[in-house]
């Protein structure tokens, strides 16, 4: 970017443009752009007009070199390359009038979601400033709300996602505590209700009184009379 007191050669070297490789026409175009930028102290309008001119005049430089010459981000220079002169004029006008301008596209949802998850306490104005810094355009609050609602990035949807993630994490931790015992730790006690209840009906027991074998002791047995048998009668 051209600054006060800077020479043309220093300006080129700062943008990594080698003066010895430039033709006469290229030097004339770049010298005119250098004078234009120095005369306006490099404000927003001048930088946008100079970048649009150098991107479309066929000067033969790379987009990144032009971005360094006018002092803008290379990503912005690639986006500006697709704009018409009318669109550039509209952006400059809206930049200074403060009116919303621009359209949020599906490709913007990812960076916006990342910003919201990394800044959970960000306000809507913080998000609008993030959009302006990242893509260099502003949108209305109504447009932003509709975009967030469409992609589930509004505050209510995000809170549901956080609660669901918290519940899943809690269930996962509980499952780990039940499934695995730490190495070297004590085996947890099995709860009492894990086993079957003891039967209440008494089972047959072998501890009853002993049964008699059918005879008494010889000492108390009754005497028996014997009769001699002489033969058959």
C-alpha atoms as a PDB file:
ATOM      1  CA  UNK A   1       0.000   0.000   0.000  1.00  0.00           C
ATOM      2  CA  UNK A   2       1.328   3.441  -0.934  1.00  0.00           C
ATOM      3  CA  UNK A   3       2.213   5.624   2.034  1.00  0.00           C
ATOM      4  CA  UNK A   4       3.345   9.227   2.313  1.00  0.00           C
ATOM      5  CA  UNK A   5       7.067   9.687   1.617  1.00  0.00           C
ATOM      6  CA  UNK A   6       7.370   6.293  -0.086  1.00  0.00           C
ATOM      7  CA  UNK A   7       8.966   6.062  -3.522  1.00  0.00           C
ATOM      8  CA  UNK A   8       7.530   4.173  -6.469  1.00  0.00           C
ATOM      9  CA  UNK A   9      10.298   1.549  -6.324  1.00  0.00           C
ATOM     10  CA  UNK A  10       9.775   1.029  -2.584  1.00  0.00           C
ATOM     11  CA  UNK A  11       6.065   0.570  -3.217  1.00  0.00           C
ATOM     12  CA  UNK A  12       6.769  -2.118  -5.801  1.00  0.00           C
ATOM     13  CA  UNK A  13       9.329  -3.915  -3.625  1.00  0.00           C
ATOM     14  CA  UNK A  14       6.888  -3.895  -0.696  1.00  0.00           C
ATOM     15  CA  UNK A  15       4.355  -5.739  -2.867  1.00  0.00           C
ATOM     16  CA  UNK A  16       7.066  -8.154  -4.122  1.00  0.00           C
ATOM     17  CA  UNK A  17       6.881  -6.812  -7.663  1.00  0.00           C
ATOM     18  CA  UNK A  18      10.277  -6.725  -9.404  1.00  0.00           C
ATOM     19  CA  UNK A  19      10.618  -3.405 -11.302  1.00  0.00           C
ATOM     20  CA  UNK A  20      13.188  -4.792 -13.741  1.00  0.00           C
ATOM     21  CA  UNK A  21      10.630  -7.265 -15.066  1.00  0.00           C
ATOM     22  CA  UNK A  22       8.017  -4.625 -15.850  1.00  0.00           C
ATOM     23  CA  UNK A  23       7.424  -3.322 -19.346  1.00  0.00           C
ATOM     24  CA  UNK A  24       6.959   0.351 -20.161  1.00  0.00           C
ATOM     25  CA  UNK A  25       3.158   0.068 -20.282  1.00  0.00           C
ATOM     26  CA  UNK A  26       3.057  -1.793 -16.992  1.00  0.00           C
ATOM     27  CA  UNK A  27       5.261   0.809 -15.321  1.00  0.00           C
ATOM     28  CA  UNK A  28       3.035   3.614 -16.641  1.00  0.00           C
ATOM     29  CA  UNK A  29      -0.164   1.983 -15.330  1.00  0.00           C
ATOM     30  CA  UNK A  30       1.353   1.162 -11.936  1.00  0.00           C
ATOM     31  CA  UNK A  31       2.871   4.610 -11.587  1.00  0.00           C
ATOM     32  CA  UNK A  32      -0.554   6.189 -12.196  1.00  0.00           C
ATOM     33  CA  UNK A  33      -2.101   3.869  -9.571  1.00  0.00           C
ATOM     34  CA  UNK A  34       0.705   4.769  -7.157  1.00  0.00           C
ATOM     35  CA  UNK A  35       0.010   8.504  -7.564  1.00  0.00           C
ATOM     36  CA  UNK A  36      -3.734   7.901  -7.150  1.00  0.00           C
ATOM     37  CA  UNK A  37      -3.251   5.993  -3.883  1.00  0.00           C
ATOM     38  CA  UNK A  38      -0.767   8.472  -2.431  1.00  0.00           C
ATOM     39  CA  UNK A  39      -3.051  11.406  -3.120  1.00  0.00           C
ATOM     40  CA  UNK A  40      -5.880   9.973  -1.022  1.00  0.00           C
ATOM     41  CA  UNK A  41      -3.900   8.508   1.900  1.00  0.00           C
ATOM     42  CA  UNK A  42      -5.222   5.035   1.055  1.00  0.00           C
ATOM     43  CA  UNK A  43      -8.817   5.405   2.313  1.00  0.00           C
ATOM     44  CA  UNK A  44     -11.482   2.741   1.728  1.00  0.00           C
ATOM     45  CA  UNK A  45     -12.950   4.201  -1.451  1.00  0.00           C
ATOM     46  CA  UNK A  46      -9.576   4.754  -3.097  1.00  0.00           C
ATOM     47  CA  UNK A  47      -8.374   1.250  -2.274  1.00  0.00           C
ATOM     48  CA  UNK A  48     -11.537  -0.316  -3.696  1.00  0.00           C
ATOM     49  CA  UNK A  49     -11.409   1.733  -6.892  1.00  0.00           C
ATOM     50  CA  UNK A  50      -7.680   1.108  -7.395  1.00  0.00           C
ATOM     51  CA  UNK A  51      -8.037  -2.623  -6.774  1.00  0.00           C
ATOM     52  CA  UNK A  52     -10.942  -2.919  -9.201  1.00  0.00           C
ATOM     53  CA  UNK A  53      -8.999  -1.020 -11.860  1.00  0.00           C
ATOM     54  CA  UNK A  54      -5.802  -3.042 -11.503  1.00  0.00           C
ATOM     55  CA  UNK A  55      -7.731  -6.331 -11.419  1.00  0.00           C
ATOM     56  CA  UNK A  56      -9.481  -5.587 -14.721  1.00  0.00           C
ATOM     57  CA  UNK A  57      -7.080  -3.409 -16.725  1.00  0.00           C
ATOM     58  CA  UNK A  58      -4.854  -6.282 -17.871  1.00  0.00           C
ATOM     59  CA  UNK A  59      -1.711  -5.058 -16.127  1.00  0.00           C
ATOM     60  CA  UNK A  60      -0.399  -8.628 -15.988  1.00  0.00           C
ATOM     61  CA  UNK A  61       0.147  -8.956 -12.234  1.00  0.00           C
ATOM     62  CA  UNK A  62      -1.016 -11.702  -9.907  1.00  0.00           C
ATOM     63  CA  UNK A  63      -4.062 -11.090  -7.720  1.00  0.00           C
ATOM     64  CA  UNK A  64      -1.961 -11.404  -4.559  1.00  0.00           C
ATOM     65  CA  UNK A  65       0.476  -8.775  -5.868  1.00  0.00           C
ATOM     66  CA  UNK A  66      -2.360  -6.354  -6.594  1.00  0.00           C
ATOM     67  CA  UNK A  67      -3.777  -6.986  -3.111  1.00  0.00           C
ATOM     68  CA  UNK A  68      -0.432  -6.040  -1.555  1.00  0.00           C
ATOM     69  CA  UNK A  69      -0.143  -2.945  -3.759  1.00  0.00           C
ATOM     70  CA  UNK A  70      -3.500  -1.514  -2.660  1.00  0.00           C
ATOM     71  CA  UNK A  71      -3.320  -2.843   0.912  1.00  0.00           C
ATOM     72  CA  UNK A  72      -6.234  -5.318   1.033  1.00  0.00           C
ATOM     73  CA  UNK A  73      -6.492  -8.970   1.982  1.00  0.00           C
ATOM     74  CA  UNK A  74      -5.789 -11.410  -0.899  1.00  0.00           C
ATOM     75  CA  UNK A  75      -9.086 -13.216  -0.230  1.00  0.00           C
ATOM     76  CA  UNK A  76     -10.923  -9.925  -0.642  1.00  0.00           C
ATOM     77  CA  UNK A  77      -9.067  -9.273  -3.894  1.00  0.00           C
ATOM     78  CA  UNK A  78     -10.204 -12.622  -5.305  1.00  0.00           C
ATOM     79  CA  UNK A  79     -13.807 -11.765  -4.397  1.00  0.00           C
ATOM     80  CA  UNK A  80     -13.504  -8.281  -5.859  1.00  0.00           C
ATOM     81  CA  UNK A  81     -12.296  -9.792  -9.117  1.00  0.00           C
ATOM     82  CA  UNK A  82     -15.808 -11.144  -9.739  1.00  0.00           C
ATOM     83  CA  UNK A  83     -17.599  -7.826  -9.108  1.00  0.00           C
ATOM     84  CA  UNK A  84     -18.666  -5.289 -11.684  1.00  0.00           C
ATOM     85  CA  UNK A  85     -17.882  -1.582 -11.407  1.00  0.00           C
ATOM     86  CA  UNK A  86     -21.519  -0.960 -10.438  1.00  0.00           C
ATOM     87  CA  UNK A  87     -21.339  -3.471  -7.590  1.00  0.00           C
ATOM     88  CA  UNK A  88     -18.116  -1.912  -6.319  1.00  0.00           C
ATOM     89  CA  UNK A  89     -19.797   1.494  -6.328  1.00  0.00           C
ATOM     90  CA  UNK A  90     -22.756   0.084  -4.388  1.00  0.00           C
ATOM     91  CA  UNK A  91     -20.466  -1.429  -1.768  1.00  0.00           C
ATOM     92  CA  UNK A  92     -18.602   1.843  -1.332  1.00  0.00           C
ATOM     93  CA  UNK A  93     -21.879   3.745  -0.975  1.00  0.00           C
ATOM     94  CA  UNK A  94     -23.300   1.299   1.555  1.00  0.00           C
ATOM     95  CA  UNK A  95     -20.046   1.227   3.498  1.00  0.00           C
ATOM     96  CA  UNK A  96     -20.328   4.934   4.265  1.00  0.00           C
ATOM     97  CA  UNK A  97     -24.120   5.135   4.565  1.00  0.00           C
ATOM     98  CA  UNK A  98     -24.286   2.290   7.049  1.00  0.00           C
ATOM     99  CA  UNK A  99     -27.184   0.577   5.262  1.00  0.00           C
ATOM    100  CA  UNK A 100     -27.304  -3.211   5.187  1.00  0.00           C
ATOM    101  CA  UNK A 101     -25.896  -4.719   2.047  1.00  0.00           C
ATOM    102  CA  UNK A 102     -24.909  -8.187   1.072  1.00  0.00           C
ATOM    103  CA  UNK A 103     -26.399 -11.682   1.050  1.00  0.00           C
ATOM    104  CA  UNK A 104     -25.588 -14.619   3.291  1.00  0.00           C
ATOM    105  CA  UNK A 105     -24.990 -17.802   1.311  1.00  0.00           C
ATOM    106  CA  UNK A 106     -24.837 -21.478   2.394  1.00  0.00           C
ATOM    107  CA  UNK A 107     -21.026 -21.341   2.369  1.00  0.00           C
ATOM    108  CA  UNK A 108     -21.187 -18.738   5.146  1.00  0.00           C
ATOM    109  CA  UNK A 109     -22.946 -21.142   7.551  1.00  0.00           C
ATOM    110  CA  UNK A 110     -19.770 -23.025   8.539  1.00  0.00           C
ATOM    111  CA  UNK A 111     -17.678 -20.001   9.657  1.00  0.00           C
ATOM    112  CA  UNK A 112     -20.709 -18.486  11.412  1.00  0.00           C
ATOM    113  CA  UNK A 113     -21.367 -21.760  13.281  1.00  0.00           C
ATOM    114  CA  UNK A 114     -17.716 -21.927  14.343  1.00  0.00           C
ATOM    115  CA  UNK A 115     -17.868 -18.346  15.614  1.00  0.00           C
ATOM    116  CA  UNK A 116     -21.035 -19.037  17.618  1.00  0.00           C
ATOM    117  CA  UNK A 117     -19.628 -22.214  19.212  1.00  0.00           C
ATOM    118  CA  UNK A 118     -16.327 -20.535  20.102  1.00  0.00           C
ATOM    119  CA  UNK A 119     -18.110 -17.390  21.371  1.00  0.00           C
ATOM    120  CA  UNK A 120     -21.223 -18.707  23.185  1.00  0.00           C
ATOM    121  CA  UNK A 121     -21.902 -15.309  24.780  1.00  0.00           C
ATOM    122  CA  UNK A 122     -21.590 -13.308  21.562  1.00  0.00           C
ATOM    123  CA  UNK A 123     -24.408 -10.846  20.901  1.00  0.00           C
ATOM    124  CA  UNK A 124     -26.104 -10.312  17.574  1.00  0.00           C
ATOM    125  CA  UNK A 125     -24.063  -7.154  17.048  1.00  0.00           C
ATOM    126  CA  UNK A 126     -20.875  -9.151  17.673  1.00  0.00           C
ATOM    127  CA  UNK A 127     -21.954 -11.580  14.964  1.00  0.00           C
ATOM    128  CA  UNK A 128     -22.726  -8.725  12.559  1.00  0.00           C
ATOM    129  CA  UNK A 129     -19.258  -7.289  13.174  1.00  0.00           C
ATOM    130  CA  UNK A 130     -17.722 -10.717  12.548  1.00  0.00           C
ATOM    131  CA  UNK A 131     -19.553 -10.942   9.203  1.00  0.00           C
ATOM    132  CA  UNK A 132     -18.397  -7.464   8.243  1.00  0.00           C
ATOM    133  CA  UNK A 133     -14.759  -8.240   9.117  1.00  0.00           C
ATOM    134  CA  UNK A 134     -14.745 -11.608   7.382  1.00  0.00           C
ATOM    135  CA  UNK A 135     -16.648 -10.903   4.174  1.00  0.00           C
ATOM    136  CA  UNK A 136     -16.629  -7.092   4.081  1.00  0.00           C
ATOM    137  CA  UNK A 137     -20.382  -6.586   3.858  1.00  0.00           C
ATOM    138  CA  UNK A 138     -23.169  -6.046   6.320  1.00  0.00           C
ATOM    139  CA  UNK A 139     -26.639  -7.559   6.587  1.00  0.00           C
ATOM    140  CA  UNK A 140     -29.763  -6.533   8.422  1.00  0.00           C
ATOM    141  CA  UNK A 141     -30.739  -8.133  11.714  1.00  0.00           C
ATOM    142  CA  UNK A 142     -33.855  -9.603  10.126  1.00  0.00           C
ATOM    143  CA  UNK A 143     -31.803 -11.213   7.352  1.00  0.00           C
ATOM    144  CA  UNK A 144     -29.358 -12.561   9.916  1.00  0.00           C
ATOM    145  CA  UNK A 145     -32.158 -14.017  12.077  1.00  0.00           C
ATOM    146  CA  UNK A 146     -33.748 -15.774   9.079  1.00  0.00           C
ATOM    147  CA  UNK A 147     -30.362 -17.212   8.073  1.00  0.00           C
ATOM    148  CA  UNK A 148     -29.651 -18.508  11.582  1.00  0.00           C
ATOM    149  CA  UNK A 149     -33.118 -20.034  11.859  1.00  0.00           C
ATOM    150  CA  UNK A 150     -32.780 -21.741   8.476  1.00  0.00           C
ATOM    151  CA  UNK A 151     -29.532 -23.484   9.392  1.00  0.00           C
ATOM    152  CA  UNK A 152     -30.379 -24.194  13.046  1.00  0.00           C
ATOM    153  CA  UNK A 153     -27.911 -21.621  14.372  1.00  0.00           C
ATOM    154  CA  UNK A 154     -30.364 -19.515  16.359  1.00  0.00           C
ATOM    155  CA  UNK A 155     -30.012 -19.373  20.132  1.00  0.00           C
ATOM    156  CA  UNK A 156     -32.792 -21.888  20.868  1.00  0.00           C
ATOM    157  CA  UNK A 157     -31.449 -24.486  18.427  1.00  0.00           C
ATOM    158  CA  UNK A 158     -27.909 -24.118  19.715  1.00  0.00           C
ATOM    159  CA  UNK A 159     -29.095 -24.560  23.309  1.00  0.00           C
ATOM    160  CA  UNK A 160     -30.862 -27.795  22.349  1.00  0.00           C
ATOM    161  CA  UNK A 161     -27.678 -29.068  20.700  1.00  0.00           C
ATOM    162  CA  UNK A 162     -25.598 -28.225  23.776  1.00  0.00           C
ATOM    163  CA  UNK A 163     -28.064 -29.966  26.116  1.00  0.00           C
ATOM    164  CA  UNK A 164     -28.173 -33.066  23.910  1.00  0.00           C
ATOM    165  CA  UNK A 165     -24.383 -33.183  23.788  1.00  0.00           C
ATOM    166  CA  UNK A 166     -24.233 -32.814  27.577  1.00  0.00           C
ATOM    167  CA  UNK A 167     -26.686 -35.695  28.065  1.00  0.00           C
ATOM    168  CA  UNK A 168     -24.770 -37.934  25.665  1.00  0.00           C
ATOM    169  CA  UNK A 169     -21.518 -37.185  27.463  1.00  0.00           C
ATOM    170  CA  UNK A 170     -23.086 -37.976  30.844  1.00  0.00           C
ATOM    171  CA  UNK A 171     -24.504 -41.285  29.550  1.00  0.00           C
ATOM    172  CA  UNK A 172     -21.162 -42.199  28.049  1.00  0.00           C
ATOM    173  CA  UNK A 173     -19.366 -41.570  31.338  1.00  0.00           C
ATOM    174  CA  UNK A 174     -21.903 -43.686  33.238  1.00  0.00           C
ATOM    175  CA  UNK A 175     -21.501 -46.527  30.733  1.00  0.00           C
ATOM    176  CA  UNK A 176     -17.745 -46.417  31.145  1.00  0.00           C
ATOM    177  CA  UNK A 177     -18.067 -46.614  34.934  1.00  0.00           C
ATOM    178  CA  UNK A 178     -20.299 -49.714  34.677  1.00  0.00           C
ATOM    179  CA  UNK A 179     -18.413 -51.513  31.905  1.00  0.00           C
ATOM    180  CA  UNK A 180     -14.843 -51.150  33.014  1.00  0.00           C
ATOM    181  CA  UNK A 181     -12.977 -51.482  36.311  1.00  0.00           C
ATOM    182  CA  UNK A 182      -9.761 -49.468  36.554  1.00  0.00           C
ATOM    183  CA  UNK A 183      -6.588 -51.528  36.459  1.00  0.00           C
ATOM    184  CA  UNK A 184      -5.381 -52.323  40.000  1.00  0.00           C
ATOM    185  CA  UNK A 185      -8.598 -51.081  41.580  1.00  0.00           C
ATOM    186  CA  UNK A 186     -11.077 -52.883  43.790  1.00  0.00           C
ATOM    187  CA  UNK A 187     -13.837 -54.925  42.228  1.00  0.00           C
ATOM    188  CA  UNK A 188     -17.147 -53.200  42.987  1.00  0.00           C
ATOM    189  CA  UNK A 189     -19.565 -55.077  45.292  1.00  0.00           C
ATOM    190  CA  UNK A 190     -22.519 -56.748  43.637  1.00  0.00           C
ATOM    191  CA  UNK A 191     -25.810 -55.305  44.900  1.00  0.00           C
ATOM    192  CA  UNK A 192     -27.957 -57.572  47.101  1.00  0.00           C
ATOM    193  CA  UNK A 193     -30.898 -57.537  44.695  1.00  0.00           C
ATOM    194  CA  UNK A 194     -28.686 -59.094  42.011  1.00  0.00           C
ATOM    195  CA  UNK A 195     -29.225 -62.641  43.447  1.00  0.00           C
ATOM    196  CA  UNK A 196     -32.408 -64.678  43.557  1.00  0.00           C
ATOM    197  CA  UNK A 197     -34.351 -64.548  46.857  1.00  0.00           C
ATOM    198  CA  UNK A 198     -34.005 -67.563  49.225  1.00  0.00           C
ATOM    199  CA  UNK A 199     -36.935 -70.043  49.082  1.00  0.00           C
ATOM    200  CA  UNK A 200     -39.415 -69.782  51.966  1.00  0.00           C
ATOM    201  CA  UNK A 201     -40.702 -73.473  51.841  1.00  0.00           C
ATOM    202  CA  UNK A 202     -38.558 -75.754  54.086  1.00  0.00           C
ATOM    203  CA  UNK A 203     -36.872 -78.620  52.278  1.00  0.00           C
ATOM    204  CA  UNK A 204     -36.784 -82.257  53.604  1.00  0.00           C
ATOM    205  CA  UNK A 205     -34.209 -82.599  56.337  1.00  0.00           C
ATOM    206  CA  UNK A 206     -32.047 -85.646  57.323  1.00  0.00           C
ATOM    207  CA  UNK A 207     -31.724 -84.468  60.897  1.00  0.00           C
ATOM    208  CA  UNK A 208     -34.902 -86.235  62.263  1.00  0.00           C
ATOM    209  CA  UNK A 209     -34.961 -89.152  64.842  1.00  0.00           C
ATOM    210  CA  UNK A 210     -33.248 -92.353  63.777  1.00  0.00           C
ATOM    211  CA  UNK A 211     -35.473 -95.171  62.615  1.00  0.00           C
ATOM    212  CA  UNK A 212     -35.284 -98.682  64.172  1.00  0.00           C
ATOM    213  CA  UNK A 213     -33.693-101.531  62.200  1.00  0.00           C
ATOM    214  CA  UNK A 214     -36.465-103.954  63.372  1.00  0.00           C
ATOM    215  CA  UNK A 215     -34.852-105.613  66.444  1.00  0.00           C
ATOM    216  CA  UNK A 216     -34.074-104.844  70.038  1.00  0.00           C
ATOM    217  CA  UNK A 217     -30.958-105.441  72.001  1.00  0.00           C
ATOM    218  CA  UNK A 218     -30.314-109.113  73.054  1.00  0.00           C
ATOM    219  CA  UNK A 219     -30.293-108.242  76.743  1.00  0.00           C
ATOM    220  CA  UNK A 220     -33.974-107.287  76.788  1.00  0.00           C
ATOM    221  CA  UNK A 221     -35.332-109.727  74.255  1.00  0.00           C
ATOM    222  CA  UNK A 222     -38.164-112.062  75.563  1.00  0.00           C
ATOM    223  CA  UNK A 223     -37.141-115.724  76.207  1.00  0.00           C
ATOM    224  CA  UNK A 224     -38.285-118.437  73.780  1.00  0.00           C
ATOM    225  CA  UNK A 225     -39.311-122.035  74.921  1.00  0.00           C
ATOM    226  CA  UNK A 226     -37.924-124.858  72.906  1.00  0.00           C
ATOM    227  CA  UNK A 227     -39.628-128.345  72.612  1.00  0.00           C
ATOM    228  CA  UNK A 228     -37.827-131.419  71.622  1.00  0.00           C
ATOM    229  CA  UNK A 229     -39.334-132.975  68.567  1.00  0.00           C
ATOM    230  CA  UNK A 230     -39.447-136.798  68.551  1.00  0.00           C
ATOM    231  CA  UNK A 231     -40.623-137.158  65.068  1.00  0.00           C
ATOM    232  CA  UNK A 232     -43.630-136.700  62.955  1.00  0.00           C
ATOM    233  CA  UNK A 233     -46.951-137.334  64.508  1.00  0.00           C
END
